């Protein structure tokens, strides 16, 4: 019964993920989650997950690299300053209204 349940839930998640590749939704996340469920019981699913594990390990190592983190923090800081500048300009020019934006969208 347990293996049948794992098989049904795992393949259900994989099928939903495949459908979400063309429909709105997190398709790849559902496919990977389905493979994780299947890997709890089946060796073939564990083998399918090996490239995903290697990719996740490489991404985690890159995210913890001090140079990459410093670069990402600088980029995020610049973006925050730019967005704050645009918001300050908008408020100074038009006040706290969405009239110019809604006028562009709802003509």
PDB file of N, CA and C in Angstrom:
ATOM      1  N   UNK A   1       0.832  -1.194   0.000  1.00  0.00           N
ATOM      2  CA  UNK A   1       0.000   0.000   0.000  1.00  0.00           C
ATOM      3  C   UNK A   1       0.875   1.256   0.000  1.00  0.00           C
ATOM      4  N   UNK A   2       1.946   1.230   0.804  1.00  0.00           N
ATOM      5  CA  UNK A   2       2.811   2.408   0.910  1.00  0.00           C
ATOM      6  C   UNK A   2       3.435   2.730  -0.447  1.00  0.00           C
ATOM      7  N   UNK A   3       3.993   1.714  -1.117  1.00  0.00           N
ATOM      8  CA  UNK A   3       4.629   1.947  -2.412  1.00  0.00           C
ATOM      9  C   UNK A   3       3.609   2.405  -3.454  1.00  0.00           C
ATOM     10  N   UNK A   4       2.409   1.875  -3.392  1.00  0.00           N
ATOM     11  CA  UNK A   4       1.370   2.313  -4.323  1.00  0.00           C
ATOM     12  C   UNK A   4       1.025   3.780  -4.084  1.00  0.00           C
ATOM     13  N   UNK A   5       0.944   4.180  -2.822  1.00  0.00           N
ATOM     14  CA  UNK A   5       0.667   5.581  -2.503  1.00  0.00           C
ATOM     15  C   UNK A   5       1.785   6.494  -2.967  1.00  0.00           C
ATOM     16  N   UNK A   6       3.031   6.066  -2.730  1.00  0.00           N
ATOM     17  CA  UNK A   6       4.175   6.859  -3.187  1.00  0.00           C
ATOM     18  C   UNK A   6       4.155   6.971  -4.705  1.00  0.00           C
ATOM     19  N   UNK A   7       3.862   5.887  -5.384  1.00  0.00           N
ATOM     20  CA  UNK A   7       3.821   5.880  -6.839  1.00  0.00           C
ATOM     21  C   UNK A   7       2.733   6.824  -7.361  1.00  0.00           C
ATOM     22  N   UNK A   8       1.559   6.774  -6.772  1.00  0.00           N
ATOM     23  CA  UNK A   8       0.452   7.623  -7.221  1.00  0.00           C
ATOM     24  C   UNK A   8       0.747   9.097  -6.951  1.00  0.00           C
ATOM     25  N   UNK A   9       1.195   9.411  -5.744  1.00  0.00           N
ATOM     26  CA  UNK A   9       1.485  10.807  -5.407  1.00  0.00           C
ATOM     27  C   UNK A   9       2.648  11.330  -6.239  1.00  0.00           C
ATOM     28  N   UNK A  10       3.708  10.546  -6.363  1.00  0.00           N
ATOM     29  CA  UNK A  10       4.875  10.970  -7.127  1.00  0.00           C
ATOM     30  C   UNK A  10       4.557  11.223  -8.585  1.00  0.00           C
ATOM     31  N   UNK A  11       3.891  10.259  -9.229  1.00  0.00           N
ATOM     32  CA  UNK A  11       3.538  10.446 -10.635  1.00  0.00           C
ATOM     33  C   UNK A  11       2.490  11.548 -10.810  1.00  0.00           C
ATOM     34  N   UNK A  12       1.621  11.709  -9.817  1.00  0.00           N
ATOM     35  CA  UNK A  12       0.656  12.819  -9.874  1.00  0.00           C
ATOM     36  C   UNK A  12       1.356  14.170  -9.868  1.00  0.00           C
ATOM     37  N   UNK A  13       2.363  14.308  -9.007  1.00  0.00           N
ATOM     38  CA  UNK A  13       3.124  15.555  -8.965  1.00  0.00           C
ATOM     39  C   UNK A  13       3.909  15.774 -10.260  1.00  0.00           C
ATOM     40  N   UNK A  14       4.506  14.710 -10.783  1.00  0.00           N
ATOM     41  CA  UNK A  14       5.254  14.839 -12.040  1.00  0.00           C
ATOM     42  C   UNK A  14       4.301  15.222 -13.169  1.00  0.00           C
ATOM     43  N   UNK A  15       3.138  14.603 -13.234  1.00  0.00           N
ATOM     44  CA  UNK A  15       2.165  14.921 -14.288  1.00  0.00           C
ATOM     45  C   UNK A  15       1.665  16.360 -14.147  1.00  0.00           C
ATOM     46  N   UNK A  16       1.393  16.783 -12.921  1.00  0.00           N
ATOM     47  CA  UNK A  16       0.959  18.161 -12.703  1.00  0.00           C
ATOM     48  C   UNK A  16       2.069  19.131 -13.106  1.00  0.00           C
ATOM     49  N   UNK A  17       3.316  18.780 -12.802  1.00  0.00           N
ATOM     50  CA  UNK A  17       4.437  19.632 -13.189  1.00  0.00           C
ATOM     51  C   UNK A  17       4.578  19.744 -14.695  1.00  0.00           C
ATOM     52  N   UNK A  18       4.396  18.638 -15.384  1.00  0.00           N
ATOM     53  CA  UNK A  18       4.474  18.669 -16.847  1.00  0.00           C
ATOM     54  C   UNK A  18       3.358  19.550 -17.409  1.00  0.00           C
ATOM     55  N   UNK A  19       2.160  19.436 -16.822  1.00  0.00           N
ATOM     56  CA  UNK A  19       1.055  20.296 -17.265  1.00  0.00           C
ATOM     57  C   UNK A  19       1.368  21.764 -16.976  1.00  0.00           C
ATOM     58  N   UNK A  20       2.018  22.032 -15.842  1.00  0.00           N
ATOM     59  CA  UNK A  20       2.327  23.420 -15.482  1.00  0.00           C
ATOM     60  C   UNK A  20       3.469  24.003 -16.314  1.00  0.00           C
ATOM     61  N   UNK A  21       4.146  23.193 -17.101  1.00  0.00           N
ATOM     62  CA  UNK A  21       5.150  23.760 -17.999  1.00  0.00           C
ATOM     63  C   UNK A  21       4.497  24.607 -19.083  1.00  0.00           C
ATOM     64  N   UNK A  22       3.255  24.270 -19.450  1.00  0.00           N
ATOM     65  CA  UNK A  22       2.537  25.061 -20.459  1.00  0.00           C
ATOM     66  C   UNK A  22       1.418  25.887 -19.838  1.00  0.00           C
ATOM     67  N   UNK A  23       0.985  25.530 -18.651  1.00  0.00           N
ATOM     68  CA  UNK A  23      -0.028  26.279 -17.920  1.00  0.00           C
ATOM     69  C   UNK A  23       0.664  27.094 -16.831  1.00  0.00           C
ATOM     70  N   UNK A  24      -0.024  28.060 -16.250  1.00  0.00           N
ATOM     71  CA  UNK A  24       0.593  28.825 -15.161  1.00  0.00           C
ATOM     72  C   UNK A  24       0.864  27.942 -13.948  1.00  0.00           C
ATOM     73  N   UNK A  25       2.031  28.103 -13.378  1.00  0.00           N
ATOM     74  CA  UNK A  25       2.381  27.354 -12.180  1.00  0.00           C
ATOM     75  C   UNK A  25       3.842  26.964 -12.170  1.00  0.00           C
ATOM     76  N   UNK A  26       4.319  26.512 -11.033  1.00  0.00           N
ATOM     77  CA  UNK A  26       5.735  26.144 -10.889  1.00  0.00           C
ATOM     78  C   UNK A  26       5.998  24.726 -11.395  1.00  0.00           C
ATOM     79  N   UNK A  27       6.076  24.574 -12.701  1.00  0.00           N
ATOM     80  CA  UNK A  27       6.197  23.255 -13.321  1.00  0.00           C
ATOM     81  C   UNK A  27       7.426  22.490 -12.905  1.00  0.00           C
ATOM     82  N   UNK A  28       8.604  23.108 -13.013  1.00  0.00           N
ATOM     83  CA  UNK A  28       9.841  22.394 -12.684  1.00  0.00           C
ATOM     84  C   UNK A  28       9.885  22.041 -11.205  1.00  0.00           C
ATOM     85  N   UNK A  29       9.378  22.914 -10.357  1.00  0.00           N
ATOM     86  CA  UNK A  29       9.369  22.612  -8.921  1.00  0.00           C
ATOM     87  C   UNK A  29       8.488  21.400  -8.628  1.00  0.00           C
ATOM     88  N   UNK A  30       7.344  21.310  -9.282  1.00  0.00           N
ATOM     89  CA  UNK A  30       6.451  20.165  -9.070  1.00  0.00           C
ATOM     90  C   UNK A  30       7.082  18.879  -9.597  1.00  0.00           C
ATOM     91  N   UNK A  31       7.755  18.955 -10.739  1.00  0.00           N
ATOM     92  CA  UNK A  31       8.420  17.763 -11.281  1.00  0.00           C
ATOM     93  C   UNK A  31       9.510  17.284 -10.330  1.00  0.00           C
ATOM     94  N   UNK A  32      10.325  18.199  -9.833  1.00  0.00           N
ATOM     95  CA  UNK A  32      11.397  17.823  -8.907  1.00  0.00           C
ATOM     96  C   UNK A  32      10.809  17.283  -7.612  1.00  0.00           C
ATOM     97  N   UNK A  33       9.744  17.902  -7.108  1.00  0.00           N
ATOM     98  CA  UNK A  33       9.102  17.398  -5.888  1.00  0.00           C
ATOM     99  C   UNK A  33       8.543  15.994  -6.107  1.00  0.00           C
ATOM    100  N   UNK A  34       7.950  15.749  -7.260  1.00  0.00           N
ATOM    101  CA  UNK A  34       7.455  14.411  -7.578  1.00  0.00           C
ATOM    102  C   UNK A  34       8.576  13.392  -7.626  1.00  0.00           C
ATOM    103  N   UNK A  35       9.717  13.774  -8.207  1.00  0.00           N
ATOM    104  CA  UNK A  35      10.866  12.858  -8.240  1.00  0.00           C
ATOM    105  C   UNK A  35      11.420  12.613  -6.838  1.00  0.00           C
ATOM    106  N   UNK A  36      11.388  13.623  -5.984  1.00  0.00           N
ATOM    107  CA  UNK A  36      11.839  13.431  -4.598  1.00  0.00           C
ATOM    108  C   UNK A  36      10.941  12.427  -3.889  1.00  0.00           C
ATOM    109  N   UNK A  37       9.638  12.551  -4.105  1.00  0.00           N
ATOM    110  CA  UNK A  37       8.703  11.588  -3.497  1.00  0.00           C
ATOM    111  C   UNK A  37       8.981  10.190  -4.031  1.00  0.00           C
ATOM    112  N   UNK A  38       9.160  10.060  -5.344  1.00  0.00           N
ATOM    113  CA  UNK A  38       9.425   8.750  -5.929  1.00  0.00           C
ATOM    114  C   UNK A  38      10.783   8.198  -5.490  1.00  0.00           C
ATOM    115  N   UNK A  39      11.763   9.086  -5.282  1.00  0.00           N
ATOM    116  CA  UNK A  39      13.101   8.643  -4.878  1.00  0.00           C
ATOM    117  C   UNK A  39      13.112   8.062  -3.470  1.00  0.00           C
ATOM    118  N   UNK A  40      12.075   8.324  -2.692  1.00  0.00           N
ATOM    119  CA  UNK A  40      12.021   7.732  -1.352  1.00  0.00           C
ATOM    120  C   UNK A  40      11.830   6.214  -1.415  1.00  0.00           C
ATOM    121  N   UNK A  41      11.371   5.704  -2.560  1.00  0.00           N
ATOM    122  CA  UNK A  41      11.123   4.266  -2.688  1.00  0.00           C
ATOM    123  C   UNK A  41      11.809   3.609  -3.878  1.00  0.00           C
ATOM    124  N   UNK A  42      12.153   4.388  -4.907  1.00  0.00           N
ATOM    125  CA  UNK A  42      12.634   3.783  -6.146  1.00  0.00           C
ATOM    126  C   UNK A  42      14.024   4.306  -6.516  1.00  0.00           C
ATOM    127  N   UNK A  43      14.932   3.380  -6.861  1.00  0.00           N
ATOM    128  CA  UNK A  43      16.312   3.739  -7.205  1.00  0.00           C
ATOM    129  C   UNK A  43      16.385   4.495  -8.528  1.00  0.00           C
ATOM    130  N   UNK A  44      15.519   4.180  -9.495  1.00  0.00           N
ATOM    131  CA  UNK A  44      15.557   4.873 -10.775  1.00  0.00           C
ATOM    132  C   UNK A  44      15.258   6.361 -10.596  1.00  0.00           C
ATOM    133  N   UNK A  45      14.392   6.703  -9.647  1.00  0.00           N
ATOM    134  CA  UNK A  45      14.084   8.114  -9.396  1.00  0.00           C
ATOM    135  C   UNK A  45      15.275   8.808  -8.732  1.00  0.00           C
ATOM    136  N   UNK A  46      15.993   8.071  -7.864  1.00  0.00           N
ATOM    137  CA  UNK A  46      17.209   8.640  -7.249  1.00  0.00           C
ATOM    138  C   UNK A  46      18.241   8.960  -8.316  1.00  0.00           C
ATOM    139  N   UNK A  47      18.380   8.074  -9.287  1.00  0.00           N
ATOM    140  CA  UNK A  47      19.330   8.324 -10.385  1.00  0.00           C
ATOM    141  C   UNK A  47      18.909   9.520 -11.224  1.00  0.00           C
ATOM    142  N   UNK A  48      17.606   9.705 -11.427  1.00  0.00           N
ATOM    143  CA  UNK A  48      17.130  10.868 -12.169  1.00  0.00           C
ATOM    144  C   UNK A  48      17.384  12.168 -11.408  1.00  0.00           C
ATOM    145  N   UNK A  49      17.418  12.096 -10.089  1.00  0.00           N
ATOM    146  CA  UNK A  49      17.636  13.293  -9.273  1.00  0.00           C
ATOM    147  C   UNK A  49      19.102  13.666  -9.129  1.00  0.00           C
ATOM    148  N   UNK A  50      20.025  12.776  -9.473  1.00  0.00           N
ATOM    149  CA  UNK A  50      21.452  13.075  -9.309  1.00  0.00           C
ATOM    150  C   UNK A  50      21.885  14.358 -10.014  1.00  0.00           C
ATOM    151  N   UNK A  51      21.524  14.611 -11.274  1.00  0.00           N
ATOM    152  CA  UNK A  51      21.928  15.881 -11.895  1.00  0.00           C
ATOM    153  C   UNK A  51      21.336  17.099 -11.178  1.00  0.00           C
ATOM    154  N   UNK A  52      20.120  16.951 -10.668  1.00  0.00           N
ATOM    155  CA  UNK A  52      19.490  18.060  -9.943  1.00  0.00           C
ATOM    156  C   UNK A  52      20.250  18.329  -8.646  1.00  0.00           C
ATOM    157  N   UNK A  53      20.667  17.284  -7.961  1.00  0.00           N
ATOM    158  CA  UNK A  53      21.452  17.456  -6.728  1.00  0.00           C
ATOM    159  C   UNK A  53      22.787  18.127  -7.020  1.00  0.00           C
ATOM    160  N   UNK A  54      23.451  17.711  -8.095  1.00  0.00           N
ATOM    161  CA  UNK A  54      24.735  18.340  -8.458  1.00  0.00           C
ATOM    162  C   UNK A  54      24.537  19.809  -8.790  1.00  0.00           C
ATOM    163  N   UNK A  55      23.484  20.128  -9.544  1.00  0.00           N
ATOM    164  CA  UNK A  55      23.200  21.515  -9.887  1.00  0.00           C
ATOM    165  C   UNK A  55      22.901  22.338  -8.633  1.00  0.00           C
ATOM    166  N   UNK A  56      22.114  21.777  -7.704  1.00  0.00           N
ATOM    167  CA  UNK A  56      21.779  22.490  -6.470  1.00  0.00           C
ATOM    168  C   UNK A  56      23.022  22.718  -5.617  1.00  0.00           C
ATOM    169  N   UNK A  57      23.918  21.737  -5.564  1.00  0.00           N
ATOM    170  CA  UNK A  57      25.165  21.888  -4.802  1.00  0.00           C
ATOM    171  C   UNK A  57      26.021  22.990  -5.404  1.00  0.00           C
ATOM    172  N   UNK A  58      26.119  23.011  -6.744  1.00  0.00           N
ATOM    173  CA  UNK A  58      26.915  24.034  -7.408  1.00  0.00           C
ATOM    174  C   UNK A  58      26.302  25.426  -7.171  1.00  0.00           C
ATOM    175  N   UNK A  59      24.977  25.522  -7.215  1.00  0.00           N
ATOM    176  CA  UNK A  59      24.308  26.801  -6.986  1.00  0.00           C
ATOM    177  C   UNK A  59      24.498  27.265  -5.542  1.00  0.00           C
ATOM    178  N   UNK A  60      24.439  26.326  -4.589  1.00  0.00           N
ATOM    179  CA  UNK A  60      24.648  26.691  -3.189  1.00  0.00           C
ATOM    180  C   UNK A  60      26.073  27.163  -2.954  1.00  0.00           C
ATOM    181  N   UNK A  61      27.037  26.478  -3.563  1.00  0.00           N
ATOM    182  CA  UNK A  61      28.432  26.911  -3.424  1.00  0.00           C
ATOM    183  C   UNK A  61      28.637  28.297  -4.028  1.00  0.00           C
ATOM    184  N   UNK A  62      28.020  28.553  -5.172  1.00  0.00           N
ATOM    185  CA  UNK A  62      28.154  29.865  -5.803  1.00  0.00           C
ATOM    186  C   UNK A  62      27.494  30.948  -4.960  1.00  0.00           C
ATOM    187  N   UNK A  63      26.362  30.630  -4.339  1.00  0.00           N
ATOM    188  CA  UNK A  63      25.667  31.624  -3.522  1.00  0.00           C
ATOM    189  C   UNK A  63      26.449  31.963  -2.259  1.00  0.00           C
ATOM    190  N   UNK A  64      27.246  31.026  -1.761  1.00  0.00           N
ATOM    191  CA  UNK A  64      28.019  31.272  -0.551  1.00  0.00           C
ATOM    192  C   UNK A  64      29.392  31.871  -0.847  1.00  0.00           C
ATOM    193  N   UNK A  65      29.758  31.994  -2.114  1.00  0.00           N
ATOM    194  CA  UNK A  65      31.036  32.590  -2.486  1.00  0.00           C
ATOM    195  C   UNK A  65      31.014  34.070  -2.108  1.00  0.00           C
ATOM    196  N   UNK A  66      31.986  34.551  -1.319  1.00  0.00           N
ATOM    197  CA  UNK A  66      31.959  35.942  -0.863  1.00  0.00           C
ATOM    198  C   UNK A  66      31.963  36.967  -2.002  1.00  0.00           C
ATOM    199  N   UNK A  67      32.686  36.688  -3.076  1.00  0.00           N
ATOM    200  CA  UNK A  67      32.709  37.639  -4.189  1.00  0.00           C
ATOM    201  C   UNK A  67      31.342  37.753  -4.850  1.00  0.00           C
ATOM    202  N   UNK A  68      30.677  36.624  -5.035  1.00  0.00           N
ATOM    203  CA  UNK A  68      29.358  36.627  -5.665  1.00  0.00           C
ATOM    204  C   UNK A  68      28.354  37.324  -4.761  1.00  0.00           C
ATOM    205  N   UNK A  69      28.419  37.054  -3.464  1.00  0.00           N
ATOM    206  CA  UNK A  69      27.506  37.707  -2.527  1.00  0.00           C
ATOM    207  C   UNK A  69      27.722  39.209  -2.518  1.00  0.00           C
ATOM    208  N   UNK A  70      28.980  39.633  -2.524  1.00  0.00           N
ATOM    209  CA  UNK A  70      29.283  41.066  -2.527  1.00  0.00           C
ATOM    210  C   UNK A  70      28.732  41.708  -3.797  1.00  0.00           C
ATOM    211  N   UNK A  71      28.941  41.061  -4.953  1.00  0.00           N
ATOM    212  CA  UNK A  71      28.426  41.590  -6.213  1.00  0.00           C
ATOM    213  C   UNK A  71      26.907  41.688  -6.190  1.00  0.00           C
ATOM    214  N   UNK A  72      26.240  40.651  -5.693  1.00  0.00           N
ATOM    215  CA  UNK A  72      24.783  40.658  -5.639  1.00  0.00           C
ATOM    216  C   UNK A  72      24.260  41.737  -4.697  1.00  0.00           C
ATOM    217  N   UNK A  73      24.949  41.947  -3.575  1.00  0.00           N
ATOM    218  CA  UNK A  73      24.535  43.008  -2.649  1.00  0.00           C
ATOM    219  C   UNK A  73      24.710  44.382  -3.282  1.00  0.00           C
ATOM    220  N   UNK A  74      25.773  44.580  -4.037  1.00  0.00           N
ATOM    221  CA  UNK A  74      25.983  45.865  -4.713  1.00  0.00           C
ATOM    222  C   UNK A  74      24.896  46.091  -5.756  1.00  0.00           C
ATOM    223  N   UNK A  75      24.586  45.069  -6.539  1.00  0.00           N
ATOM    224  CA  UNK A  75      23.527  45.189  -7.548  1.00  0.00           C
ATOM    225  C   UNK A  75      22.191  45.494  -6.882  1.00  0.00           C
ATOM    226  N   UNK A  76      21.877  44.793  -5.800  1.00  0.00           N
ATOM    227  CA  UNK A  76      20.619  45.029  -5.086  1.00  0.00           C
ATOM    228  C   UNK A  76      20.581  46.446  -4.522  1.00  0.00           C
ATOM    229  N   UNK A  77      21.695  46.922  -3.976  1.00  0.00           N
ATOM    230  CA  UNK A  77      21.747  48.281  -3.435  1.00  0.00           C
ATOM    231  C   UNK A  77      21.520  49.326  -4.507  1.00  0.00           C
ATOM    232  N   UNK A  78      22.145  49.141  -5.669  1.00  0.00           N
ATOM    233  CA  UNK A  78      21.955  50.086  -6.775  1.00  0.00           C
ATOM    234  C   UNK A  78      20.497  50.081  -7.235  1.00  0.00           C
ATOM    235  N   UNK A  79      19.893  48.904  -7.328  1.00  0.00           N
ATOM    236  CA  UNK A  79      18.492  48.827  -7.735  1.00  0.00           C
ATOM    237  C   UNK A  79      17.567  49.511  -6.732  1.00  0.00           C
ATOM    238  N   UNK A  80      17.844  49.344  -5.447  1.00  0.00           N
ATOM    239  CA  UNK A  80      17.025  50.001  -4.415  1.00  0.00           C
ATOM    240  C   UNK A  80      17.148  51.515  -4.546  1.00  0.00           C
ATOM    241  N   UNK A  81      18.355  52.022  -4.756  1.00  0.00           N
ATOM    242  CA  UNK A  81      18.556  53.466  -4.906  1.00  0.00           C
ATOM    243  C   UNK A  81      17.837  53.981  -6.145  1.00  0.00           C
ATOM    244  N   UNK A  82      17.911  53.250  -7.262  1.00  0.00           N
ATOM    245  CA  UNK A  82      17.236  53.672  -8.495  1.00  0.00           C
ATOM    246  C   UNK A  82      15.726  53.686  -8.302  1.00  0.00           C
ATOM    247  N   UNK A  83      15.176  52.632  -7.706  1.00  0.00           N
ATOM    248  CA  UNK A  83      13.727  52.582  -7.480  1.00  0.00           C
ATOM    249  C   UNK A  83      13.298  53.697  -6.533  1.00  0.00           C
ATOM    250  N   UNK A  84      14.059  53.937  -5.480  1.00  0.00           N
ATOM    251  CA  UNK A  84      13.731  55.025  -4.556  1.00  0.00           C
ATOM    252  C   UNK A  84      13.776  56.372  -5.273  1.00  0.00           C
ATOM    253  N   UNK A  85      14.741  56.565  -6.158  1.00  0.00           N
ATOM    254  CA  UNK A  85      14.815  57.804  -6.923  1.00  0.00           C
ATOM    255  C   UNK A  85      13.625  57.993  -7.844  1.00  0.00           C
ATOM    256  N   UNK A  86      13.219  56.936  -8.510  1.00  0.00           N
ATOM    257  CA  UNK A  86      12.055  57.015  -9.404  1.00  0.00           C
ATOM    258  C   UNK A  86      10.789  57.309  -8.606  1.00  0.00           C
ATOM    259  N   UNK A  87      10.621  56.668  -7.459  1.00  0.00           N
ATOM    260  CA  UNK A  87       9.450  56.924  -6.617  1.00  0.00           C
ATOM    261  C   UNK A  87       9.475  58.362  -6.102  1.00  0.00           C
ATOM    262  N   UNK A  88      10.635  58.846  -5.671  1.00  0.00           N
ATOM    263  CA  UNK A  88      10.737  60.229  -5.189  1.00  0.00           C
ATOM    264  C   UNK A  88      10.406  61.213  -6.306  1.00  0.00           C
ATOM    265  N   UNK A  89      10.907  60.968  -7.520  1.00  0.00           N
ATOM    266  CA  UNK A  89      10.587  61.838  -8.654  1.00  0.00           C
ATOM    267  C   UNK A  89       9.085  61.821  -8.946  1.00  0.00           C
ATOM    268  N   UNK A  90       8.470  60.646  -8.929  1.00  0.00           N
ATOM    269  CA  UNK A  90       7.044  60.518  -9.219  1.00  0.00           C
ATOM    270  C   UNK A  90       6.214  61.282  -8.199  1.00  0.00           C
ATOM    271  N   UNK A  91       6.540  61.120  -6.918  1.00  0.00           N
ATOM    272  CA  UNK A  91       5.786  61.803  -5.862  1.00  0.00           C
ATOM    273  C   UNK A  91       5.983  63.310  -5.978  1.00  0.00           C
ATOM    274  N   UNK A  92       7.209  63.745  -6.286  1.00  0.00           N
ATOM    275  CA  UNK A  92       7.458  65.183  -6.432  1.00  0.00           C
ATOM    276  C   UNK A  92       6.721  65.754  -7.638  1.00  0.00           C
ATOM    277  N   UNK A  93       6.636  64.993  -8.712  1.00  0.00           N
ATOM    278  CA  UNK A  93       6.014  65.499  -9.934  1.00  0.00           C
ATOM    279  C   UNK A  93       4.488  65.425  -9.895  1.00  0.00           C
ATOM    280  N   UNK A  94       3.939  64.347  -9.358  1.00  0.00           N
ATOM    281  CA  UNK A  94       2.496  64.131  -9.433  1.00  0.00           C
ATOM    282  C   UNK A  94       1.805  64.043  -8.077  1.00  0.00           C
ATOM    283  N   UNK A  95       2.522  63.966  -7.012  1.00  0.00           N
ATOM    284  CA  UNK A  95       1.908  63.765  -5.710  1.00  0.00           C
ATOM    285  C   UNK A  95       1.584  62.294  -5.511  1.00  0.00           C
ATOM    286  N   UNK A  96       0.794  62.015  -4.497  1.00  0.00           N
ATOM    287  CA  UNK A  96       0.445  60.620  -4.190  1.00  0.00           C
ATOM    288  C   UNK A  96      -0.821  60.214  -4.942  1.00  0.00           C
ATOM    289  N   UNK A  97      -0.716  60.128  -6.248  1.00  0.00           N
ATOM    290  CA  UNK A  97      -1.844  59.732  -7.073  1.00  0.00           C
ATOM    291  C   UNK A  97      -1.365  58.752  -8.147  1.00  0.00           C
ATOM    292  N   UNK A  98      -2.275  57.940  -8.618  1.00  0.00           N
ATOM    293  CA  UNK A  98      -1.956  57.025  -9.712  1.00  0.00           C
ATOM    294  C   UNK A  98      -2.597  57.481 -11.009  1.00  0.00           C
ATOM    295  N   UNK A  99      -3.093  58.734 -11.051  1.00  0.00           N
ATOM    296  CA  UNK A  99      -3.767  59.260 -12.232  1.00  0.00           C
ATOM    297  C   UNK A  99      -2.932  59.132 -13.505  1.00  0.00           C
ATOM    298  N   UNK A 100      -1.634  59.507 -13.530  1.00  0.00           N
ATOM    299  CA  UNK A 100      -0.870  59.362 -14.784  1.00  0.00           C
ATOM    300  C   UNK A 100      -0.746  57.910 -15.241  1.00  0.00           C
ATOM    301  N   UNK A 101      -0.619  56.994 -14.305  1.00  0.00           N
ATOM    302  CA  UNK A 101      -0.463  55.582 -14.666  1.00  0.00           C
ATOM    303  C   UNK A 101      -1.781  54.996 -15.140  1.00  0.00           C
ATOM    304  N   UNK A 102      -2.871  55.272 -14.393  1.00  0.00           N
ATOM    305  CA  UNK A 102      -4.169  54.741 -14.811  1.00  0.00           C
ATOM    306  C   UNK A 102      -4.624  55.381 -16.102  1.00  0.00           C
ATOM    307  N   UNK A 103      -4.209  56.623 -16.369  1.00  0.00           N
ATOM    308  CA  UNK A 103      -4.530  57.264 -17.637  1.00  0.00           C
ATOM    309  C   UNK A 103      -3.867  56.579 -18.814  1.00  0.00           C
ATOM    310  N   UNK A 104      -2.669  56.060 -18.604  1.00  0.00           N
ATOM    311  CA  UNK A 104      -1.976  55.333 -19.672  1.00  0.00           C
ATOM    312  C   UNK A 104      -2.607  53.960 -19.913  1.00  0.00           C
ATOM    313  N   UNK A 105      -3.034  53.324 -18.834  1.00  0.00           N
ATOM    314  CA  UNK A 105      -3.534  51.946 -18.946  1.00  0.00           C
ATOM    315  C   UNK A 105      -4.978  51.910 -19.410  1.00  0.00           C
ATOM    316  N   UNK A 106      -5.802  52.803 -18.874  1.00  0.00           N
ATOM    317  CA  UNK A 106      -7.251  52.745 -19.137  1.00  0.00           C
ATOM    318  C   UNK A 106      -7.694  53.883 -20.055  1.00  0.00           C
ATOM    319  N   UNK A 107      -7.138  54.011 -21.215  1.00  0.00           N
ATOM    320  CA  UNK A 107      -7.559  55.063 -22.160  1.00  0.00           C
ATOM    321  C   UNK A 107      -8.822  54.707 -22.845  1.00  0.00           C
TER     322      UNK A 107
END
